[in-house]
Amino acid sequence: MEDRTVRRLKEELTQKSIERIRRSDMLIIYQKWCKSCGICYDLCPQGTLEPDNEGKVYIKYPETCTGCKICELHCPDFAILVIGKIRKAPKAKKQNEVTQDLSNV
């Protein structure tokens, strides 16, 4: 009986911890540790990170993350963990593709 109760409590605590984490295939962000300093999204060369309504970081464009670890290395609160392998940055659109995209708006 006690084993089931302990197991259930562990599952609930784990679920609550997961809710506080924002993650992608490359990054894990521990929201509870973030103090909204803005260093990570200011330094991100790909523009992957953005502040939410409270100023805490979230992953706005997960597909653009290259795993460079600049955010992880400069976060004073250790709130960011890069878990993926380094990958190439997505290719930039050509000028004519950008013009076409804008004309469709």
Protein backbone atom coordinates (compact mmCIF):
# COMPACT_ATOMS: atom_id res chain seq x y z
CA MET A 1 0.00 0.00 0.00
CA GLU A 2 2.75 2.46 0.92
CA ASP A 3 4.70 1.60 -2.22
CA ARG A 4 1.80 2.63 -4.45
CA THR A 5 1.34 5.89 -2.56
CA VAL A 6 5.04 6.74 -2.79
CA ARG A 7 5.08 5.83 -6.49
CA ARG A 8 2.00 7.98 -7.15
CA LEU A 9 3.53 10.95 -5.30
CA LYS A 10 6.76 10.60 -7.32
CA GLU A 11 4.75 10.56 -10.56
CA GLU A 12 2.85 13.69 -9.53
CA LEU A 13 6.06 15.51 -8.58
CA THR A 14 7.67 14.49 -11.86
CA GLN A 15 4.65 15.76 -13.82
CA LYS A 16 4.73 19.09 -11.98
CA SER A 17 8.44 19.42 -12.72
CA ILE A 18 7.86 18.71 -16.41
CA GLU A 19 5.20 21.43 -16.55
CA ARG A 20 7.77 23.98 -15.38
CA ILE A 21 10.25 22.94 -18.07
CA ARG A 22 10.06 24.14 -21.62
CA ARG A 23 11.85 21.82 -23.97
CA SER A 24 12.57 20.95 -27.57
CA ASP A 25 14.81 18.35 -29.17
CA MET A 26 17.78 20.69 -28.56
CA LEU A 27 17.01 22.69 -25.40
CA ILE A 28 15.57 22.32 -21.94
CA ILE A 29 14.59 25.50 -20.12
CA TYR A 30 13.93 25.37 -16.39
CA GLN A 31 11.37 28.16 -15.95
CA LYS A 32 11.60 28.12 -12.18
CA TRP A 33 15.29 29.03 -12.32
CA CYS A 34 14.96 31.80 -14.92
CA LYS A 35 15.17 35.32 -13.47
CA SER A 36 14.27 37.09 -16.75
CA CYS A 37 17.67 38.69 -17.29
CA GLY A 38 17.42 38.41 -21.11
CA ILE A 39 21.04 37.42 -21.68
CA CYS A 40 20.13 34.20 -23.49
CA TYR A 41 17.76 35.64 -26.07
CA ASP A 42 19.95 38.69 -26.61
CA LEU A 43 22.96 36.49 -27.39
CA CYS A 44 21.21 33.78 -29.41
CA PRO A 45 22.67 34.06 -32.94
CA GLN A 46 19.67 32.30 -34.52
CA GLY A 47 16.87 34.15 -32.70
CA THR A 48 15.54 30.86 -31.31
CA LEU A 49 14.71 32.26 -27.87
CA GLU A 50 12.25 35.01 -26.94
CA PRO A 51 10.80 36.40 -23.70
CA ASP A 52 7.26 35.50 -22.68
CA ASN A 53 4.79 37.87 -20.98
CA GLU A 54 6.70 37.62 -17.70
CA GLY A 55 10.06 38.15 -19.39
CA LYS A 56 11.08 34.52 -18.90
CA VAL A 57 12.70 32.79 -21.84
CA TYR A 58 10.88 30.34 -24.09
CA ILE A 59 11.74 28.55 -27.32
CA LYS A 60 9.98 30.46 -30.08
CA TYR A 61 11.66 28.84 -33.09
CA PRO A 62 12.96 25.40 -32.03
CA GLU A 63 13.89 24.43 -35.58
CA THR A 64 16.47 27.23 -35.78
CA CYS A 65 18.53 26.12 -32.77
CA THR A 66 22.00 24.94 -33.80
CA GLY A 67 23.09 23.76 -30.35
CA CYS A 68 25.90 26.30 -30.13
CA LYS A 69 25.47 26.48 -26.33
CA ILE A 70 25.91 30.26 -26.14
CA CYS A 71 22.68 30.54 -24.13
CA GLU A 72 23.67 27.70 -21.78
CA LEU A 73 27.17 29.03 -21.17
CA HIS A 74 26.04 32.60 -20.45
CA CYS A 75 22.94 31.88 -18.34
CA PRO A 76 23.80 33.07 -14.80
CA ASP A 77 21.11 30.83 -13.30
CA PHE A 78 21.91 27.60 -15.19
CA ALA A 79 18.30 27.58 -16.40
CA ILE A 80 19.16 26.37 -19.92
CA LEU A 81 20.53 23.00 -20.92
CA VAL A 82 21.48 22.18 -24.52
CA ILE A 83 20.86 18.47 -25.07
CA GLY A 84 21.15 18.08 -28.83
CA LYS A 85 24.20 17.76 -31.02
CA ILE A 86 25.49 20.77 -32.93
CA ARG A 87 23.82 21.13 -36.31
CA LYS A 88 24.02 23.54 -39.21
CA ALA A 89 21.93 26.67 -39.21
CA PRO A 90 18.93 26.60 -41.57
CA LYS A 91 19.59 28.13 -44.96
CA ALA A 92 18.47 31.69 -45.43
CA LYS A 93 15.83 32.39 -48.05
CA LYS A 94 16.87 33.95 -51.30
CA GLN A 95 15.76 37.50 -51.99
CA ASN A 96 13.12 36.47 -54.56
CA GLU A 97 11.58 33.98 -52.08
CA VAL A 98 11.30 36.71 -49.45
CA THR A 99 9.65 39.03 -51.98
CA GLN A 100 7.16 36.30 -52.92
CA ASP A 101 6.37 35.63 -49.27
CA LEU A 102 5.72 39.32 -48.65
CA SER A 103 3.50 39.65 -51.70
CA ASN A 104 1.28 36.82 -50.39
CA VAL A 105 0.57 38.71 -47.17
